[in-house]
Amino acid sequence: DYSFTSWEVVRFEHSVSTKFSMSK
């Protein structure tokens, strides 16, 4: 099992939101 650390979660969310914004 792999547990995300809080900064990794933030980075992941930021990456997803950035890609979503760029695709618009």
Protein backbone atom coordinates (compact mmCIF):
# COMPACT_ATOMS: atom_id res chain seq x y z
CA ASP A 1 0.00 0.00 0.00
CA TYR A 2 1.17 3.48 -0.80
CA SER A 3 0.04 6.46 1.23
CA PHE A 4 0.06 9.93 -0.22
CA THR A 5 1.67 12.62 1.83
CA SER A 6 -0.23 15.89 1.97
CA TRP A 7 2.16 17.72 -0.38
CA GLU A 8 1.87 14.89 -2.91
CA VAL A 9 -1.90 15.15 -2.79
CA VAL A 10 -1.66 18.90 -3.33
CA ARG A 11 0.73 18.43 -6.23
CA PHE A 12 -1.53 15.82 -7.77
CA GLU A 13 -4.60 18.03 -7.43
CA HIS A 14 -2.69 20.98 -8.83
CA SER A 15 -1.47 18.89 -11.77
CA VAL A 16 -4.98 17.71 -12.57
CA SER A 17 -6.47 21.19 -12.29
CA THR A 18 -3.70 22.61 -14.47
CA LYS A 19 -4.29 20.02 -17.18
CA PHE A 20 -8.02 20.64 -16.96
CA SER A 21 -7.50 24.38 -17.34
CA MET A 22 -5.15 23.94 -20.29
CA SER A 23 -7.60 21.66 -22.07
CA LYS A 24 -10.32 24.31 -21.97
